[in-house]
Amino acid sequence: MANARARHLRKHQTVAEVRLWRELRKLRSQGYHFRRQAPIETYIVDFACFSQRVVIEVDGVQCATQKDKWLTRPGTPI
Protein backbone atom coordinates (compact mmCIF):
# COMPACT_ATOMS: atom_id res chain seq x y z
CA MET A 1 0.00 0.00 0.00
CA ALA A 2 2.75 2.46 0.94
CA ASN A 3 4.69 1.70 -2.24
CA ALA A 4 1.64 2.31 -4.42
CA ARG A 5 0.98 5.62 -2.63
CA ALA A 6 4.66 6.62 -2.98
CA ARG A 7 4.55 5.79 -6.70
CA HIS A 8 1.45 7.96 -7.10
CA LEU A 9 3.11 10.86 -5.25
CA ARG A 10 6.25 10.60 -7.43
CA LYS A 11 4.10 10.90 -10.56
CA HIS A 12 2.20 13.90 -9.16
CA GLN A 13 4.89 16.09 -7.63
CA THR A 14 4.34 19.74 -6.75
CA VAL A 15 6.32 22.46 -8.49
CA ALA A 16 8.49 22.88 -5.37
CA GLU A 17 9.24 19.16 -5.25
CA VAL A 18 10.21 19.08 -8.94
CA ARG A 19 12.61 21.98 -8.46
CA LEU A 20 14.20 20.54 -5.35
CA TRP A 21 14.51 17.07 -6.95
CA ARG A 22 16.39 18.63 -9.87
CA GLU A 23 18.92 20.13 -7.42
CA LEU A 24 19.21 17.04 -5.22
CA ARG A 25 20.03 14.87 -8.24
CA LYS A 26 23.10 17.05 -8.85
CA LEU A 27 24.48 15.86 -5.50
CA ARG A 28 24.88 12.28 -6.77
CA SER A 29 28.31 13.14 -8.15
CA GLN A 30 29.33 13.99 -4.58
CA GLY A 31 28.09 10.65 -3.25
CA TYR A 32 24.65 11.66 -1.96
CA HIS A 33 21.80 9.48 -3.18
CA PHE A 34 18.39 10.95 -2.47
CA ARG A 35 15.15 9.06 -3.00
CA ARG A 36 11.89 10.91 -3.57
CA GLN A 37 8.60 9.96 -1.92
CA ALA A 38 10.39 7.30 0.11
CA PRO A 39 8.30 5.03 2.33
CA ILE A 40 9.72 4.69 5.84
CA GLU A 41 7.54 2.29 7.82
CA THR A 42 4.14 4.00 8.10
CA TYR A 43 5.15 7.36 6.59
CA ILE A 44 6.15 8.59 3.16
CA VAL A 45 8.75 11.37 3.21
CA ASP A 46 9.30 13.77 0.33
CA PHE A 47 13.05 13.14 0.02
CA ALA A 48 15.46 10.92 1.91
CA CYS A 49 19.19 10.26 1.82
CA PHE A 50 19.49 7.07 3.85
CA SER A 51 23.29 6.98 3.95
CA GLN A 52 23.38 10.40 5.64
CA ARG A 53 20.14 9.91 7.64
CA VAL A 54 18.60 13.06 6.10
CA VAL A 55 14.90 13.59 5.41
CA ILE A 56 13.52 16.65 3.61
CA GLU A 57 9.84 17.56 3.72
CA VAL A 58 8.85 20.27 1.25
CA ASP A 59 5.20 21.23 1.28
CA GLY A 60 3.21 22.37 4.26
CA VAL A 61 2.83 21.11 7.77
CA GLN A 62 -0.15 18.82 7.22
CA CYS A 63 1.20 15.97 9.31
CA ALA A 64 4.60 17.41 10.15
CA THR A 65 4.14 17.31 13.91
CA GLN A 66 3.39 13.59 14.06
CA LYS A 67 5.95 12.72 11.39
CA ASP A 68 8.65 14.88 13.02
CA LYS A 69 8.12 13.23 16.39
CA TRP A 70 8.30 9.81 14.83
CA LEU A 71 11.35 10.53 12.66
CA THR A 72 13.37 12.06 15.49
CA ARG A 73 12.76 9.31 18.05
CA PRO A 74 15.63 6.91 18.77
CA GLY A 75 15.50 3.74 16.71
CA THR A 76 13.79 5.18 13.64
CA PRO A 77 15.10 3.29 10.59
CA ILE A 78 16.45 6.30 8.71
PDB file of N, CA and C in Angstrom:
ATOM      1  N   MET A   1       0.822  -1.197   0.000  1.00  0.00           N
ATOM      2  CA  MET A   1       0.000   0.000   0.000  1.00  0.00           C
ATOM      3  C   MET A   1       0.865   1.260   0.000  1.00  0.00           C
ATOM      4  N   ALA A   2       1.886   1.284   0.866  1.00  0.00           N
ATOM      5  CA  ALA A   2       2.755   2.461   0.939  1.00  0.00           C
ATOM      6  C   ALA A   2       3.512   2.662  -0.365  1.00  0.00           C
ATOM      7  N   ASN A   3       3.955   1.566  -0.986  1.00  0.00           N
ATOM      8  CA  ASN A   3       4.693   1.697  -2.239  1.00  0.00           C
ATOM      9  C   ASN A   3       3.809   2.235  -3.355  1.00  0.00           C
ATOM     10  N   ALA A   4       2.559   1.807  -3.405  1.00  0.00           N
ATOM     11  CA  ALA A   4       1.635   2.315  -4.417  1.00  0.00           C
ATOM     12  C   ALA A   4       1.376   3.806  -4.201  1.00  0.00           C
ATOM     13  N   ARG A   5       1.204   4.198  -2.951  1.00  0.00           N
ATOM     14  CA  ARG A   5       0.985   5.620  -2.630  1.00  0.00           C
ATOM     15  C   ARG A   5       2.232   6.438  -2.984  1.00  0.00           C
ATOM     16  N   ALA A   6       3.410   5.923  -2.663  1.00  0.00           N
ATOM     17  CA  ALA A   6       4.658   6.621  -2.981  1.00  0.00           C
ATOM     18  C   ALA A   6       4.817   6.774  -4.487  1.00  0.00           C
ATOM     19  N   ARG A   7       4.482   5.733  -5.234  1.00  0.00           N
ATOM     20  CA  ARG A   7       4.554   5.795  -6.696  1.00  0.00           C
ATOM     21  C   ARG A   7       3.626   6.881  -7.234  1.00  0.00           C
ATOM     22  N   HIS A   8       2.410   6.936  -6.691  1.00  0.00           N
ATOM     23  CA  HIS A   8       1.446   7.964  -7.097  1.00  0.00           C
ATOM     24  C   HIS A   8       1.996   9.368  -6.803  1.00  0.00           C
ATOM     25  N   LEU A   9       2.576   9.550  -5.623  1.00  0.00           N
ATOM     26  CA  LEU A   9       3.113  10.858  -5.250  1.00  0.00           C
ATOM     27  C   LEU A   9       4.294  11.261  -6.134  1.00  0.00           C
ATOM     28  N   ARG A  10       5.125  10.289  -6.542  1.00  0.00           N
ATOM     29  CA  ARG A  10       6.249  10.595  -7.431  1.00  0.00           C
ATOM     30  C   ARG A  10       5.747  11.082  -8.787  1.00  0.00           C
ATOM     31  N   LYS A  11       4.644  10.511  -9.246  1.00  0.00           N
ATOM     32  CA  LYS A  11       4.101  10.898 -10.555  1.00  0.00           C
ATOM     33  C   LYS A  11       3.365  12.230 -10.505  1.00  0.00           C
ATOM     34  N   HIS A  12       2.976  12.673  -9.310  1.00  0.00           N
ATOM     35  CA  HIS A  12       2.195  13.902  -9.161  1.00  0.00           C
ATOM     36  C   HIS A  12       2.885  14.874  -8.193  1.00  0.00           C
ATOM     37  N   GLN A  13       4.132  15.196  -8.491  1.00  0.00           N
ATOM     38  CA  GLN A  13       4.891  16.095  -7.627  1.00  0.00           C
ATOM     39  C   GLN A  13       4.433  17.539  -7.774  1.00  0.00           C
ATOM     40  N   THR A  14       4.622  18.304  -6.699  1.00  0.00           N
ATOM     41  CA  THR A  14       4.340  19.737  -6.749  1.00  0.00           C
ATOM     42  C   THR A  14       5.492  20.435  -7.470  1.00  0.00           C
ATOM     43  N   VAL A  15       5.278  21.684  -7.828  1.00  0.00           N
ATOM     44  CA  VAL A  15       6.321  22.463  -8.493  1.00  0.00           C
ATOM     45  C   VAL A  15       7.562  22.552  -7.605  1.00  0.00           C
ATOM     46  N   ALA A  16       7.359  22.779  -6.307  1.00  0.00           N
ATOM     47  CA  ALA A  16       8.486  22.884  -5.375  1.00  0.00           C
ATOM     48  C   ALA A  16       9.265  21.572  -5.309  1.00  0.00           C
ATOM     49  N   GLU A  17       8.565  20.452  -5.307  1.00  0.00           N
ATOM     50  CA  GLU A  17       9.239  19.156  -5.253  1.00  0.00           C
ATOM     51  C   GLU A  17      10.038  18.892  -6.521  1.00  0.00           C
ATOM     52  N   VAL A  18       9.494  19.260  -7.660  1.00  0.00           N
ATOM     53  CA  VAL A  18      10.205  19.081  -8.937  1.00  0.00           C
ATOM     54  C   VAL A  18      11.496  19.893  -8.942  1.00  0.00           C
ATOM     55  N   ARG A  19      11.414  21.119  -8.485  1.00  0.00           N
ATOM     56  CA  ARG A  19      12.605  21.985  -8.463  1.00  0.00           C
ATOM     57  C   ARG A  19      13.666  21.453  -7.513  1.00  0.00           C
ATOM     58  N   LEU A  20      13.234  21.059  -6.325  1.00  0.00           N
ATOM     59  CA  LEU A  20      14.195  20.535  -5.354  1.00  0.00           C
ATOM     60  C   LEU A  20      14.800  19.231  -5.843  1.00  0.00           C
ATOM     61  N   TRP A  21      14.007  18.343  -6.434  1.00  0.00           N
ATOM     62  CA  TRP A  21      14.511  17.071  -6.949  1.00  0.00           C
ATOM     63  C   TRP A  21      15.598  17.299  -7.996  1.00  0.00           C
ATOM     64  N   ARG A  22      15.390  18.293  -8.848  1.00  0.00           N
ATOM     65  CA  ARG A  22      16.388  18.633  -9.870  1.00  0.00           C
ATOM     66  C   ARG A  22      17.731  18.983  -9.216  1.00  0.00           C
ATOM     67  N   GLU A  23      17.681  19.732  -8.121  1.00  0.00           N
ATOM     68  CA  GLU A  23      18.916  20.128  -7.423  1.00  0.00           C
ATOM     69  C   GLU A  23      19.526  18.963  -6.643  1.00  0.00           C
ATOM     70  N   LEU A  24      18.694  18.170  -6.004  1.00  0.00           N
ATOM     71  CA  LEU A  24      19.209  17.037  -5.224  1.00  0.00           C
ATOM     72  C   LEU A  24      19.890  16.009  -6.114  1.00  0.00           C
ATOM     73  N   ARG A  25      19.410  15.829  -7.324  1.00  0.00           N
ATOM     74  CA  ARG A  25      20.034  14.868  -8.240  1.00  0.00           C
ATOM     75  C   ARG A  25      21.456  15.273  -8.601  1.00  0.00           C
ATOM     76  N   LYS A  26      21.745  16.569  -8.558  1.00  0.00           N
ATOM     77  CA  LYS A  26      23.099  17.046  -8.853  1.00  0.00           C
ATOM     78  C   LYS A  26      24.102  16.597  -7.788  1.00  0.00           C
ATOM     79  N   LEU A  27      23.605  16.269  -6.601  1.00  0.00           N
ATOM     80  CA  LEU A  27      24.483  15.859  -5.502  1.00  0.00           C
ATOM     81  C   LEU A  27      24.980  14.421  -5.638  1.00  0.00           C
ATOM     82  N   ARG A  28      24.448  13.671  -6.570  1.00  0.00           N
ATOM     83  CA  ARG A  28      24.883  12.281  -6.769  1.00  0.00           C
ATOM     84  C   ARG A  28      26.370  12.199  -7.066  1.00  0.00           C
ATOM     85  N   SER A  29      26.881  13.159  -7.817  1.00  0.00           N
ATOM     86  CA  SER A  29      28.307  13.143  -8.154  1.00  0.00           C
ATOM     87  C   SER A  29      29.183  13.314  -6.919  1.00  0.00           C
ATOM     88  N   GLN A  30      28.600  13.820  -5.831  1.00  0.00           N
ATOM     89  CA  GLN A  30      29.330  13.987  -4.577  1.00  0.00           C
ATOM     90  C   GLN A  30      29.054  12.841  -3.606  1.00  0.00           C
ATOM     91  N   GLY A  31      28.328  11.825  -4.069  1.00  0.00           N
ATOM     92  CA  GLY A  31      28.086  10.648  -3.254  1.00  0.00           C
ATOM     93  C   GLY A  31      26.793  10.642  -2.456  1.00  0.00           C
ATOM     94  N   TYR A  32      25.925  11.608  -2.676  1.00  0.00           N
ATOM     95  CA  TYR A  32      24.648  11.658  -1.964  1.00  0.00           C
ATOM     96  C   TYR A  32      23.555  11.105  -2.865  1.00  0.00           C
ATOM     97  N   HIS A  33      22.866  10.089  -2.398  1.00  0.00           N
ATOM     98  CA  HIS A  33      21.803   9.476  -3.184  1.00  0.00           C
ATOM     99  C   HIS A  33      20.474   9.724  -2.482  1.00  0.00           C
ATOM    100  N   PHE A  34      19.699  10.638  -3.028  1.00  0.00           N
ATOM    101  CA  PHE A  34      18.385  10.948  -2.471  1.00  0.00           C
ATOM    102  C   PHE A  34      17.323  10.133  -3.188  1.00  0.00           C
ATOM    103  N   ARG A  35      16.327   9.708  -2.443  1.00  0.00           N
ATOM    104  CA  ARG A  35      15.148   9.057  -2.999  1.00  0.00           C
ATOM    105  C   ARG A  35      13.975   9.992  -2.777  1.00  0.00           C
ATOM    106  N   ARG A  36      13.061  10.050  -3.742  1.00  0.00           N
ATOM    107  CA  ARG A  36      11.888  10.908  -3.570  1.00  0.00           C
ATOM    108  C   ARG A  36      10.680  10.052  -3.216  1.00  0.00           C
ATOM    109  N   GLN A  37       9.805  10.636  -2.399  1.00  0.00           N
ATOM    110  CA  GLN A  37       8.605   9.959  -1.916  1.00  0.00           C
ATOM    111  C   GLN A  37       8.967   8.571  -1.400  1.00  0.00           C
ATOM    112  N   ALA A  38       9.860   8.555  -0.433  1.00  0.00           N
ATOM    113  CA  ALA A  38      10.388   7.304   0.106  1.00  0.00           C
ATOM    114  C   ALA A  38       9.548   6.813   1.279  1.00  0.00           C
ATOM    115  N   PRO A  39       9.034   5.579   1.197  1.00  0.00           N
ATOM    116  CA  PRO A  39       8.301   5.027   2.332  1.00  0.00           C
ATOM    117  C   PRO A  39       9.266   4.639   3.452  1.00  0.00           C
ATOM    118  N   ILE A  40       8.959   5.082   4.654  1.00  0.00           N
ATOM    119  CA  ILE A  40       9.716   4.693   5.842  1.00  0.00           C
ATOM    120  C   ILE A  40       8.679   4.221   6.855  1.00  0.00           C
ATOM    121  N   GLU A  41       8.569   2.924   6.992  1.00  0.00           N
ATOM    122  CA  GLU A  41       7.541   2.289   7.816  1.00  0.00           C
ATOM    123  C   GLU A  41       6.158   2.828   7.466  1.00  0.00           C
ATOM    124  N   THR A  42       5.512   3.561   8.357  1.00  0.00           N
ATOM    125  CA  THR A  42       4.136   4.002   8.103  1.00  0.00           C
ATOM    126  C   THR A  42       4.038   5.363   7.416  1.00  0.00           C
ATOM    127  N   TYR A  43       5.164   6.024   7.193  1.00  0.00           N
ATOM    128  CA  TYR A  43       5.145   7.361   6.591  1.00  0.00           C
ATOM    129  C   TYR A  43       5.808   7.346   5.223  1.00  0.00           C
ATOM    130  N   ILE A  44       5.469   8.356   4.427  1.00  0.00           N
ATOM    131  CA  ILE A  44       6.151   8.591   3.159  1.00  0.00           C
ATOM    132  C   ILE A  44       6.746   9.985   3.256  1.00  0.00           C
ATOM    133  N   VAL A  45       8.067  10.075   3.118  1.00  0.00           N
ATOM    134  CA  VAL A  45       8.749  11.369   3.214  1.00  0.00           C
ATOM    135  C   VAL A  45       9.041  11.877   1.807  1.00  0.00           C
ATOM    136  N   ASP A  46       9.080  13.200   1.658  1.00  0.00           N
ATOM    137  CA  ASP A  46       9.300  13.774   0.331  1.00  0.00           C
ATOM    138  C   ASP A  46      10.637  13.345  -0.265  1.00  0.00           C
ATOM    139  N   PHE A  47      11.707  13.518   0.487  1.00  0.00           N
ATOM    140  CA  PHE A  47      13.046  13.140   0.016  1.00  0.00           C
ATOM    141  C   PHE A  47      13.837  12.548   1.172  1.00  0.00           C
ATOM    142  N   ALA A  48      14.649  11.541   0.868  1.00  0.00           N
ATOM    143  CA  ALA A  48      15.463  10.922   1.912  1.00  0.00           C
ATOM    144  C   ALA A  48      16.804  10.503   1.342  1.00  0.00           C
ATOM    145  N   CYS A  49      17.845  10.762   2.113  1.00  0.00           N
ATOM    146  CA  CYS A  49      19.189  10.263   1.820  1.00  0.00           C
ATOM    147  C   CYS A  49      19.531   9.329   2.978  1.00  0.00           C
ATOM    148  N   PHE A  50      19.344   8.038   2.768  1.00  0.00           N
ATOM    149  CA  PHE A  50      19.488   7.074   3.849  1.00  0.00           C
ATOM    150  C   PHE A  50      20.914   6.973   4.372  1.00  0.00           C
ATOM    151  N   SER A  51      21.898   7.096   3.496  1.00  0.00           N
ATOM    152  CA  SER A  51      23.292   6.979   3.948  1.00  0.00           C
ATOM    153  C   SER A  51      23.679   8.094   4.912  1.00  0.00           C
ATOM    154  N   GLN A  52      23.063   9.264   4.772  1.00  0.00           N
ATOM    155  CA  GLN A  52      23.375  10.403   5.639  1.00  0.00           C
ATOM    156  C   GLN A  52      22.300  10.630   6.704  1.00  0.00           C
ATOM    157  N   ARG A  53      21.246   9.800   6.687  1.00  0.00           N
ATOM    158  CA  ARG A  53      20.137   9.914   7.637  1.00  0.00           C
ATOM    159  C   ARG A  53      19.491  11.302   7.568  1.00  0.00           C
ATOM    160  N   VAL A  54      19.205  11.753   6.324  1.00  0.00           N
ATOM    161  CA  VAL A  54      18.599  13.062   6.097  1.00  0.00           C
ATOM    162  C   VAL A  54      17.231  12.877   5.442  1.00  0.00           C
ATOM    163  N   VAL A  55      16.247  13.575   5.983  1.00  0.00           N
ATOM    164  CA  VAL A  55      14.904  13.593   5.412  1.00  0.00           C
ATOM    165  C   VAL A  55      14.542  15.044   5.139  1.00  0.00           C
ATOM    166  N   ILE A  56      13.962  15.304   3.962  1.00  0.00           N
ATOM    167  CA  ILE A  56      13.518  16.647   3.606  1.00  0.00           C
ATOM    168  C   ILE A  56      12.035  16.584   3.292  1.00  0.00           C
ATOM    169  N   GLU A  57      11.264  17.401   3.987  1.00  0.00           N
ATOM    170  CA  GLU A  57       9.837  17.563   3.723  1.00  0.00           C
ATOM    171  C   GLU A  57       9.655  18.946   3.104  1.00  0.00           C
ATOM    172  N   VAL A  58       8.937  19.023   1.999  1.00  0.00           N
ATOM    173  CA  VAL A  58       8.853  20.266   1.245  1.00  0.00           C
ATOM    174  C   VAL A  58       7.586  21.059   1.534  1.00  0.00           C
ATOM    175  N   ASP A  59       6.450  20.476   1.308  1.00  0.00           N
ATOM    176  CA  ASP A  59       5.200  21.235   1.279  1.00  0.00           C
ATOM    177  C   ASP A  59       4.416  21.134   2.572  1.00  0.00           C
ATOM    178  N   GLY A  60       4.163  22.272   3.167  1.00  0.00           N
ATOM    179  CA  GLY A  60       3.214  22.373   4.260  1.00  0.00           C
ATOM    180  C   GLY A  60       3.576  21.641   5.537  1.00  0.00           C
ATOM    181  N   VAL A  61       2.650  21.735   6.456  1.00  0.00           N
ATOM    182  CA  VAL A  61       2.833  21.111   7.769  1.00  0.00           C
ATOM    183  C   VAL A  61       1.643  20.209   8.087  1.00  0.00           C
ATOM    184  N   GLN A  62       1.049  19.619   7.051  1.00  0.00           N
ATOM    185  CA  GLN A  62      -0.153  18.825   7.219  1.00  0.00           C
ATOM    186  C   GLN A  62       0.000  17.792   8.339  1.00  0.00           C
ATOM    187  N   CYS A  63       1.000  16.979   8.268  1.00  0.00           N
ATOM    188  CA  CYS A  63       1.196  15.974   9.311  1.00  0.00           C
ATOM    189  C   CYS A  63       2.615  16.064   9.862  1.00  0.00           C
ATOM    190  N   ALA A  64       3.203  17.236   9.756  1.00  0.00           N
ATOM    191  CA  ALA A  64       4.598  17.406  10.149  1.00  0.00           C
ATOM    192  C   ALA A  64       4.835  17.118  11.622  1.00  0.00           C
ATOM    193  N   THR A  65       3.932  17.504  12.483  1.00  0.00           N
ATOM    194  CA  THR A  65       4.143  17.313  13.906  1.00  0.00           C
ATOM    195  C   THR A  65       4.275  15.836  14.240  1.00  0.00           C
ATOM    196  N   GLN A  66       3.338  15.025  13.787  1.00  0.00           N
ATOM    197  CA  GLN A  66       3.394  13.590  14.057  1.00  0.00           C
ATOM    198  C   GLN A  66       4.613  12.958  13.396  1.00  0.00           C
ATOM    199  N   LYS A  67       4.833  13.303  12.135  1.00  0.00           N
ATOM    200  CA  LYS A  67       5.950  12.718  11.390  1.00  0.00           C
ATOM    201  C   LYS A  67       7.280  13.134  12.000  1.00  0.00           C
ATOM    202  N   ASP A  68       7.417  14.407  12.387  1.00  0.00           N
ATOM    203  CA  ASP A  68       8.653  14.884  13.017  1.00  0.00           C
ATOM    204  C   ASP A  68       8.944  14.137  14.309  1.00  0.00           C
ATOM    205  N   LYS A  69       7.930  13.972  15.138  1.00  0.00           N
ATOM    206  CA  LYS A  69       8.116  13.232  16.394  1.00  0.00           C
ATOM    207  C   LYS A  69       8.585  11.817  16.116  1.00  0.00           C
ATOM    208  N   TRP A  70       7.965  11.181  15.137  1.00  0.00           N
ATOM    209  CA  TRP A  70       8.305   9.810  14.828  1.00  0.00           C
ATOM    210  C   TRP A  70       9.714   9.697  14.246  1.00  0.00           C
ATOM    211  N   LEU A  71      10.046  10.598  13.324  1.00  0.00           N
ATOM    212  CA  LEU A  71      11.351  10.534  12.658  1.00  0.00           C
ATOM    213  C   LEU A  71      12.519  10.856  13.603  1.00  0.00           C
ATOM    214  N   THR A  72      12.268  11.662  14.613  1.00  0.00           N
ATOM    215  CA  THR A  72      13.371  12.061  15.491  1.00  0.00           C
ATOM    216  C   THR A  72      13.503  11.169  16.731  1.00  0.00           C
ATOM    217  N   ARG A  73      12.646  10.195  16.866  1.00  0.00           N
ATOM    218  CA  ARG A  73      12.765   9.314  18.049  1.00  0.00           C
ATOM    219  C   ARG A  73      13.906   8.321  17.814  1.00  0.00           C
ATOM    220  N   PRO A  74      14.547   7.889  18.901  1.00  0.00           N
ATOM    221  CA  PRO A  74      15.626   6.906  18.770  1.00  0.00           C
ATOM    222  C   PRO A  74      15.089   5.596  18.165  1.00  0.00           C
ATOM    223  N   GLY A  75      15.869   5.014  17.294  1.00  0.00           N
ATOM    224  CA  GLY A  75      15.498   3.742  16.707  1.00  0.00           C
ATOM    225  C   GLY A  75      14.742   3.831  15.402  1.00  0.00           C
ATOM    226  N   THR A  76      14.472   5.036  14.910  1.00  0.00           N
ATOM    227  CA  THR A  76      13.792   5.185  13.635  1.00  0.00           C
ATOM    228  C   THR A  76      14.736   4.695  12.536  1.00  0.00           C
ATOM    229  N   PRO A  77      14.227   3.918  11.575  1.00  0.00           N
ATOM    230  CA  PRO A  77      15.097   3.285  10.587  1.00  0.00           C
ATOM    231  C   PRO A  77      15.617   4.184   9.467  1.00  0.00           C
ATOM    232  N   ILE A  78      15.831   5.443   9.727  1.00  0.00           N
ATOM    233  CA  ILE A  78      16.449   6.302   8.709  1.00  0.00           C
ATOM    234  C   ILE A  78      17.822   6.677   9.168  1.00  0.00           C
TER     235      ILE A  78
END
